[in-house]
Amino acid sequence: IEYSITKKATIGINIYDITGRSVYDMTANNQEPGNYKLSLDFSTLNLTSGIYFYKFLAVGGVGNKLFSETKRMIYIK
């Protein structure tokens, strides 16, 4: 999952299965502006092949939401 931020922010990335169950949560505090890439090893999560959704959330220093987006991805073993 690649993303860019233009302001210092706390980043949250959550992955959900098709039923809405959370299967992975990641928070990165106080990331500086720039380009980032999150690489996941799905084999360690013991997931089956299928459709998953990830939600990206960027929150500013005073708790205001800067950006939020949900996207679909397909995992194939």
PDB file of N, CA and C in Angstrom:
ATOM      1  N   ILE A   1       0.862  -1.165   0.000  1.00  0.00           N
ATOM      2  CA  ILE A   1       0.000   0.000   0.000  1.00  0.00           C
ATOM      3  C   ILE A   1       0.904   1.222   0.000  1.00  0.00           C
ATOM      4  N   GLU A   2       0.809   2.015  -1.043  1.00  0.00           N
ATOM      5  CA  GLU A   2       1.626   3.216  -1.161  1.00  0.00           C
ATOM      6  C   GLU A   2       0.777   4.445  -0.864  1.00  0.00           C
ATOM      7  N   TYR A   3       1.392   5.413  -0.168  1.00  0.00           N
ATOM      8  CA  TYR A   3       0.677   6.643   0.136  1.00  0.00           C
ATOM      9  C   TYR A   3       1.663   7.792   0.288  1.00  0.00           C
ATOM     10  N   SER A   4       1.151   8.997   0.120  1.00  0.00           N
ATOM     11  CA  SER A   4       1.935  10.221   0.284  1.00  0.00           C
ATOM     12  C   SER A   4       1.183  11.141   1.221  1.00  0.00           C
ATOM     13  N   ILE A   5       1.932  11.869   2.048  1.00  0.00           N
ATOM     14  CA  ILE A   5       1.304  12.868   2.907  1.00  0.00           C
ATOM     15  C   ILE A   5       2.043  14.189   2.728  1.00  0.00           C
ATOM     16  N   THR A   6       1.290  15.278   2.827  1.00  0.00           N
ATOM     17  CA  THR A   6       1.875  16.601   2.614  1.00  0.00           C
ATOM     18  C   THR A   6       2.073  17.369   3.916  1.00  0.00           C
ATOM     19  N   LYS A   7       1.496  16.854   5.023  1.00  0.00           N
ATOM     20  CA  LYS A   7       1.645  17.470   6.336  1.00  0.00           C
ATOM     21  C   LYS A   7       1.998  16.387   7.343  1.00  0.00           C
ATOM     22  N   LYS A   8       2.664  16.768   8.420  1.00  0.00           N
ATOM     23  CA  LYS A   8       2.959  15.831   9.497  1.00  0.00           C
ATOM     24  C   LYS A   8       1.640  15.283  10.023  1.00  0.00           C
ATOM     25  N   ALA A   9       1.538  13.948  10.163  1.00  0.00           N
ATOM     26  CA  ALA A   9       0.271  13.338  10.548  1.00  0.00           C
ATOM     27  C   ALA A   9       0.491  11.983  11.196  1.00  0.00           C
ATOM     28  N   THR A  10      -0.521  11.558  11.931  1.00  0.00           N
ATOM     29  CA  THR A  10      -0.591  10.191  12.422  1.00  0.00           C
ATOM     30  C   THR A  10      -1.403   9.408  11.399  1.00  0.00           C
ATOM     31  N   ILE A  11      -0.864   8.264  10.974  1.00  0.00           N
ATOM     32  CA  ILE A  11      -1.478   7.464   9.926  1.00  0.00           C
ATOM     33  C   ILE A  11      -2.047   6.181  10.520  1.00  0.00           C
ATOM     34  N   GLY A  12      -3.235   5.834  10.098  1.00  0.00           N
ATOM     35  CA  GLY A  12      -3.838   4.562  10.477  1.00  0.00           C
ATOM     36  C   GLY A  12      -4.232   3.801   9.222  1.00  0.00           C
ATOM     37  N   ILE A  13      -3.859   2.533   9.164  1.00  0.00           N
ATOM     38  CA  ILE A  13      -4.287   1.672   8.061  1.00  0.00           C
ATOM     39  C   ILE A  13      -4.910   0.428   8.677  1.00  0.00           C
ATOM     40  N   ASN A  14      -6.165   0.189   8.336  1.00  0.00           N
ATOM     41  CA  ASN A  14      -6.901  -0.969   8.842  1.00  0.00           C
ATOM     42  C   ASN A  14      -7.355  -1.813   7.663  1.00  0.00           C
ATOM     43  N   ILE A  15      -7.246  -3.123   7.806  1.00  0.00           N
ATOM     44  CA  ILE A  15      -7.684  -4.043   6.757  1.00  0.00           C
ATOM     45  C   ILE A  15      -8.835  -4.877   7.307  1.00  0.00           C
ATOM     46  N   TYR A  16      -9.892  -5.000   6.485  1.00  0.00           N
ATOM     47  CA  TYR A  16     -11.099  -5.727   6.873  1.00  0.00           C
ATOM     48  C   TYR A  16     -11.406  -6.807   5.846  1.00  0.00           C
ATOM     49  N   ASP A  17     -11.979  -7.928   6.315  1.00  0.00           N
ATOM     50  CA  ASP A  17     -12.420  -8.949   5.369  1.00  0.00           C
ATOM     51  C   ASP A  17     -13.789  -8.547   4.826  1.00  0.00           C
ATOM     52  N   ILE A  18     -14.358  -9.376   3.984  1.00  0.00           N
ATOM     53  CA  ILE A  18     -15.602  -9.052   3.287  1.00  0.00           C
ATOM     54  C   ILE A  18     -16.783  -8.914   4.259  1.00  0.00           C
ATOM     55  N   THR A  19     -16.672  -9.515   5.450  1.00  0.00           N
ATOM     56  CA  THR A  19     -17.751  -9.420   6.443  1.00  0.00           C
ATOM     57  C   THR A  19     -17.608  -8.193   7.334  1.00  0.00           C
ATOM     58  N   GLY A  20     -16.505  -7.449   7.176  1.00  0.00           N
ATOM     59  CA  GLY A  20     -16.279  -6.265   7.983  1.00  0.00           C
ATOM     60  C   GLY A  20     -15.438  -6.516   9.221  1.00  0.00           C
ATOM     61  N   ARG A  21     -14.953  -7.744   9.384  1.00  0.00           N
ATOM     62  CA  ARG A  21     -14.106  -8.086  10.535  1.00  0.00           C
ATOM     63  C   ARG A  21     -12.708  -7.529  10.320  1.00  0.00           C
ATOM     64  N   SER A  22     -12.160  -6.855  11.315  1.00  0.00           N
ATOM     65  CA  SER A  22     -10.811  -6.298  11.227  1.00  0.00           C
ATOM     66  C   SER A  22      -9.792  -7.426  11.287  1.00  0.00           C
ATOM     67  N   VAL A  23      -8.856  -7.459  10.309  1.00  0.00           N
ATOM     68  CA  VAL A  23      -7.830  -8.504  10.278  1.00  0.00           C
ATOM     69  C   VAL A  23      -6.426  -7.933  10.465  1.00  0.00           C
ATOM     70  N   TYR A  24      -6.284  -6.598  10.412  1.00  0.00           N
ATOM     71  CA  TYR A  24      -4.973  -5.963  10.582  1.00  0.00           C
ATOM     72  C   TYR A  24      -5.171  -4.489  10.911  1.00  0.00           C
ATOM     73  N   ASP A  25      -4.419  -4.011  11.893  1.00  0.00           N
ATOM     74  CA  ASP A  25      -4.447  -2.594  12.270  1.00  0.00           C
ATOM     75  C   ASP A  25      -3.012  -2.093  12.392  1.00  0.00           C
ATOM     76  N   MET A  26      -2.743  -0.925  11.845  1.00  0.00           N
ATOM     77  CA  MET A  26      -1.421  -0.321  11.937  1.00  0.00           C
ATOM     78  C   MET A  26      -1.590   1.164  12.184  1.00  0.00           C
ATOM     79  N   THR A  27      -0.803   1.697  13.127  1.00  0.00           N
ATOM     80  CA  THR A  27      -0.781   3.131  13.385  1.00  0.00           C
ATOM     81  C   THR A  27       0.663   3.594  13.372  1.00  0.00           C
ATOM     82  N   ALA A  28       0.927   4.668  12.646  1.00  0.00           N
ATOM     83  CA  ALA A  28       2.263   5.271  12.601  1.00  0.00           C
ATOM     84  C   ALA A  28       2.127   6.701  13.103  1.00  0.00           C
ATOM     85  N   ASN A  29       2.727   6.989  14.239  1.00  0.00           N
ATOM     86  CA  ASN A  29       2.613   8.310  14.857  1.00  0.00           C
ATOM     87  C   ASN A  29       3.588   9.309  14.253  1.00  0.00           C
ATOM     88  N   ASN A  30       3.107  10.514  14.035  1.00  0.00           N
ATOM     89  CA  ASN A  30       3.929  11.662  13.640  1.00  0.00           C
ATOM     90  C   ASN A  30       4.834  11.408  12.430  1.00  0.00           C
ATOM     91  N   GLN A  31       4.262  10.915  11.359  1.00  0.00           N
ATOM     92  CA  GLN A  31       5.041  10.743  10.131  1.00  0.00           C
ATOM     93  C   GLN A  31       5.237  12.100   9.466  1.00  0.00           C
ATOM     94  N   GLU A  32       6.431  12.318   8.983  1.00  0.00           N
ATOM     95  CA  GLU A  32       6.776  13.546   8.283  1.00  0.00           C
ATOM     96  C   GLU A  32       6.222  13.504   6.852  1.00  0.00           C
ATOM     97  N   PRO A  33       6.046  14.655   6.201  1.00  0.00           N
ATOM     98  CA  PRO A  33       5.601  14.667   4.804  1.00  0.00           C
ATOM     99  C   PRO A  33       6.546  13.843   3.923  1.00  0.00           C
ATOM    100  N   GLY A  34       5.960  13.122   2.980  1.00  0.00           N
ATOM    101  CA  GLY A  34       6.763  12.316   2.061  1.00  0.00           C
ATOM    102  C   GLY A  34       5.972  11.158   1.500  1.00  0.00           C
ATOM    103  N   ASN A  35       6.672  10.261   0.816  1.00  0.00           N
ATOM    104  CA  ASN A  35       6.091   9.078   0.188  1.00  0.00           C
ATOM    105  C   ASN A  35       6.439   7.860   1.025  1.00  0.00           C
ATOM    106  N   TYR A  36       5.461   6.978   1.199  1.00  0.00           N
ATOM    107  CA  TYR A  36       5.643   5.791   2.028  1.00  0.00           C
ATOM    108  C   TYR A  36       5.070   4.573   1.317  1.00  0.00           C
ATOM    109  N   LYS A  37       5.559   3.396   1.725  1.00  0.00           N
ATOM    110  CA  LYS A  37       5.063   2.140   1.176  1.00  0.00           C
ATOM    111  C   LYS A  37       4.967   1.141   2.319  1.00  0.00           C
ATOM    112  N   LEU A  38       3.775   0.574   2.519  1.00  0.00           N
ATOM    113  CA  LEU A  38       3.556  -0.445   3.524  1.00  0.00           C
ATOM    114  C   LEU A  38       3.509  -1.792   2.819  1.00  0.00           C
ATOM    115  N   SER A  39       4.430  -2.675   3.177  1.00  0.00           N
ATOM    116  CA  SER A  39       4.441  -4.026   2.620  1.00  0.00           C
ATOM    117  C   SER A  39       3.957  -4.989   3.693  1.00  0.00           C
ATOM    118  N   LEU A  40       2.972  -5.783   3.353  1.00  0.00           N
ATOM    119  CA  LEU A  40       2.404  -6.741   4.292  1.00  0.00           C
ATOM    120  C   LEU A  40       2.717  -8.158   3.857  1.00  0.00           C
ATOM    121  N   ASP A  41       3.011  -9.009   4.819  1.00  0.00           N
ATOM    122  CA  ASP A  41       3.174 -10.430   4.558  1.00  0.00           C
ATOM    123  C   ASP A  41       1.872 -11.110   4.973  1.00  0.00           C
ATOM    124  N   PHE A  42       0.978 -11.309   4.009  1.00  0.00           N
ATOM    125  CA  PHE A  42      -0.337 -11.849   4.313  1.00  0.00           C
ATOM    126  C   PHE A  42      -0.261 -13.271   4.863  1.00  0.00           C
ATOM    127  N   SER A  43       0.818 -13.996   4.561  1.00  0.00           N
ATOM    128  CA  SER A  43       0.918 -15.368   5.065  1.00  0.00           C
ATOM    129  C   SER A  43       0.978 -15.392   6.588  1.00  0.00           C
ATOM    130  N   THR A  44       1.547 -14.355   7.219  1.00  0.00           N
ATOM    131  CA  THR A  44       1.604 -14.307   8.683  1.00  0.00           C
ATOM    132  C   THR A  44       0.248 -13.973   9.295  1.00  0.00           C
ATOM    133  N   LEU A  45      -0.670 -13.445   8.499  1.00  0.00           N
ATOM    134  CA  LEU A  45      -2.005 -13.110   8.987  1.00  0.00           C
ATOM    135  C   LEU A  45      -2.972 -14.288   8.882  1.00  0.00           C
ATOM    136  N   ASN A  46      -2.529 -15.384   8.253  1.00  0.00           N
ATOM    137  CA  ASN A  46      -3.356 -16.589   8.071  1.00  0.00           C
ATOM    138  C   ASN A  46      -4.693 -16.281   7.415  1.00  0.00           C
ATOM    139  N   LEU A  47      -4.655 -15.513   6.334  1.00  0.00           N
ATOM    140  CA  LEU A  47      -5.868 -15.143   5.620  1.00  0.00           C
ATOM    141  C   LEU A  47      -6.102 -16.056   4.429  1.00  0.00           C
ATOM    142  N   THR A  48      -7.354 -16.219   4.074  1.00  0.00           N
ATOM    143  CA  THR A  48      -7.696 -16.972   2.881  1.00  0.00           C
ATOM    144  C   THR A  48      -7.723 -16.033   1.687  1.00  0.00           C
ATOM    145  N   SER A  49      -7.654 -16.591   0.492  1.00  0.00           N
ATOM    146  CA  SER A  49      -7.786 -15.785  -0.717  1.00  0.00           C
ATOM    147  C   SER A  49      -9.168 -15.146  -0.721  1.00  0.00           C
ATOM    148  N   GLY A  50      -9.237 -13.915  -1.213  1.00  0.00           N
ATOM    149  CA  GLY A  50     -10.535 -13.259  -1.268  1.00  0.00           C
ATOM    150  C   GLY A  50     -10.426 -11.753  -1.379  1.00  0.00           C
ATOM    151  N   ILE A  51     -11.549 -11.105  -1.192  1.00  0.00           N
ATOM    152  CA  ILE A  51     -11.632  -9.654  -1.285  1.00  0.00           C
ATOM    153  C   ILE A  51     -11.490  -9.060   0.117  1.00  0.00           C
ATOM    154  N   TYR A  52     -10.659  -8.044   0.212  1.00  0.00           N
ATOM    155  CA  TYR A  52     -10.434  -7.330   1.471  1.00  0.00           C
ATOM    156  C   TYR A  52     -10.539  -5.835   1.202  1.00  0.00           C
ATOM    157  N   PHE A  53     -10.765  -5.079   2.237  1.00  0.00           N
ATOM    158  CA  PHE A  53     -10.837  -3.629   2.142  1.00  0.00           C
ATOM    159  C   PHE A  53      -9.811  -3.031   3.085  1.00  0.00           C
ATOM    160  N   TYR A  54      -9.167  -1.955   2.640  1.00  0.00           N
ATOM    161  CA  TYR A  54      -8.295  -1.248   3.570  1.00  0.00           C
ATOM    162  C   TYR A  54      -8.739   0.197   3.668  1.00  0.00           C
ATOM    163  N   LYS A  55      -8.695   0.690   4.911  1.00  0.00           N
ATOM    164  CA  LYS A  55      -9.076   2.070   5.197  1.00  0.00           C
ATOM    165  C   LYS A  55      -7.820   2.818   5.612  1.00  0.00           C
ATOM    166  N   PHE A  56      -7.554   3.910   4.932  1.00  0.00           N
ATOM    167  CA  PHE A  56      -6.413   4.777   5.213  1.00  0.00           C
ATOM    168  C   PHE A  56      -6.938   6.031   5.885  1.00  0.00           C
ATOM    169  N   LEU A  57      -6.342   6.412   7.012  1.00  0.00           N
ATOM    170  CA  LEU A  57      -6.771   7.588   7.743  1.00  0.00           C
ATOM    171  C   LEU A  57      -5.552   8.400   8.152  1.00  0.00           C
ATOM    172  N   ALA A  58      -5.573   9.692   7.858  1.00  0.00           N
ATOM    173  CA  ALA A  58      -4.516  10.623   8.280  1.00  0.00           C
ATOM    174  C   ALA A  58      -5.144  11.645   9.212  1.00  0.00           C
ATOM    175  N   VAL A  59      -4.543  11.785  10.407  1.00  0.00           N
ATOM    176  CA  VAL A  59      -5.055  12.698  11.427  1.00  0.00           C
ATOM    177  C   VAL A  59      -3.970  13.705  11.771  1.00  0.00           C
ATOM    178  N   GLY A  60      -4.335  14.984  11.809  1.00  0.00           N
ATOM    179  CA  GLY A  60      -3.383  16.047  12.133  1.00  0.00           C
ATOM    180  C   GLY A  60      -3.074  16.110  13.621  1.00  0.00           C
ATOM    181  N   GLY A  61      -2.167  16.996  13.980  1.00  0.00           N
ATOM    182  CA  GLY A  61      -1.678  17.119  15.343  1.00  0.00           C
ATOM    183  C   GLY A  61      -2.723  17.429  16.398  1.00  0.00           C
ATOM    184  N   VAL A  62      -3.782  18.112  16.044  1.00  0.00           N
ATOM    185  CA  VAL A  62      -4.822  18.459  17.022  1.00  0.00           C
ATOM    186  C   VAL A  62      -6.027  17.527  16.926  1.00  0.00           C
ATOM    187  N   GLY A  63      -5.862  16.394  16.264  1.00  0.00           N
ATOM    188  CA  GLY A  63      -6.929  15.401  16.168  1.00  0.00           C
ATOM    189  C   GLY A  63      -7.905  15.609  15.038  1.00  0.00           C
ATOM    190  N   ASN A  64      -7.628  16.549  14.136  1.00  0.00           N
ATOM    191  CA  ASN A  64      -8.543  16.765  13.012  1.00  0.00           C
ATOM    192  C   ASN A  64      -8.211  15.815  11.866  1.00  0.00           C
ATOM    193  N   LYS A  65      -9.249  15.252  11.271  1.00  0.00           N
ATOM    194  CA  LYS A  65      -9.076  14.316  10.172  1.00  0.00           C
ATOM    195  C   LYS A  65      -8.630  15.074   8.929  1.00  0.00           C
ATOM    196  N   LEU A  66      -7.454  14.696   8.393  1.00  0.00           N
ATOM    197  CA  LEU A  66      -6.943  15.333   7.185  1.00  0.00           C
ATOM    198  C   LEU A  66      -7.418  14.614   5.931  1.00  0.00           C
ATOM    199  N   PHE A  67      -7.516  13.267   6.030  1.00  0.00           N
ATOM    200  CA  PHE A  67      -7.866  12.484   4.847  1.00  0.00           C
ATOM    201  C   PHE A  67      -8.321  11.104   5.291  1.00  0.00           C
ATOM    202  N   SER A  68      -9.300  10.559   4.593  1.00  0.00           N
ATOM    203  CA  SER A  68      -9.766   9.199   4.842  1.00  0.00           C
ATOM    204  C   SER A  68     -10.221   8.595   3.523  1.00  0.00           C
ATOM    205  N   GLU A  69      -9.834   7.345   3.296  1.00  0.00           N
ATOM    206  CA  GLU A  69     -10.231   6.676   2.058  1.00  0.00           C
ATOM    207  C   GLU A  69     -10.266   5.176   2.298  1.00  0.00           C
ATOM    208  N   THR A  70     -11.246   4.512   1.705  1.00  0.00           N
ATOM    209  CA  THR A  70     -11.355   3.057   1.770  1.00  0.00           C
ATOM    210  C   THR A  70     -11.263   2.511   0.355  1.00  0.00           C
ATOM    211  N   LYS A  71     -10.428   1.473   0.200  1.00  0.00           N
ATOM    212  CA  LYS A  71     -10.255   0.854  -1.125  1.00  0.00           C
ATOM    213  C   LYS A  71     -10.362  -0.658  -0.991  1.00  0.00           C
ATOM    214  N   ARG A  72     -10.686  -1.288  -2.116  1.00  0.00           N
ATOM    215  CA  ARG A  72     -10.822  -2.736  -2.178  1.00  0.00           C
ATOM    216  C   ARG A  72      -9.528  -3.334  -2.733  1.00  0.00           C
ATOM    217  N   MET A  73      -9.173  -4.514  -2.234  1.00  0.00           N
ATOM    218  CA  MET A  73      -8.030  -5.247  -2.790  1.00  0.00           C
ATOM    219  C   MET A  73      -8.366  -6.730  -2.802  1.00  0.00           C
ATOM    220  N   ILE A  74      -7.682  -7.449  -3.665  1.00  0.00           N
ATOM    221  CA  ILE A  74      -7.885  -8.887  -3.797  1.00  0.00           C
ATOM    222  C   ILE A  74      -6.589  -9.587  -3.401  1.00  0.00           C
ATOM    223  N   TYR A  75      -6.719 -10.570  -2.509  1.00  0.00           N
ATOM    224  CA  TYR A  75      -5.577 -11.374  -2.079  1.00  0.00           C
ATOM    225  C   TYR A  75      -5.725 -12.770  -2.674  1.00  0.00           C
ATOM    226  N   ILE A  76      -4.705 -13.204  -3.408  1.00  0.00           N
ATOM    227  CA  ILE A  76      -4.703 -14.528  -4.016  1.00  0.00           C
ATOM    228  C   ILE A  76      -3.460 -15.263  -3.526  1.00  0.00           C
ATOM    229  N   LYS A  77      -3.681 -16.421  -2.920  1.00  0.00           N
ATOM    230  CA  LYS A  77      -2.548 -17.222  -2.417  1.00  0.00           C
ATOM    231  C   LYS A  77      -1.811 -17.863  -3.572  1.00  0.00           C
TER     232      LYS A  77
END
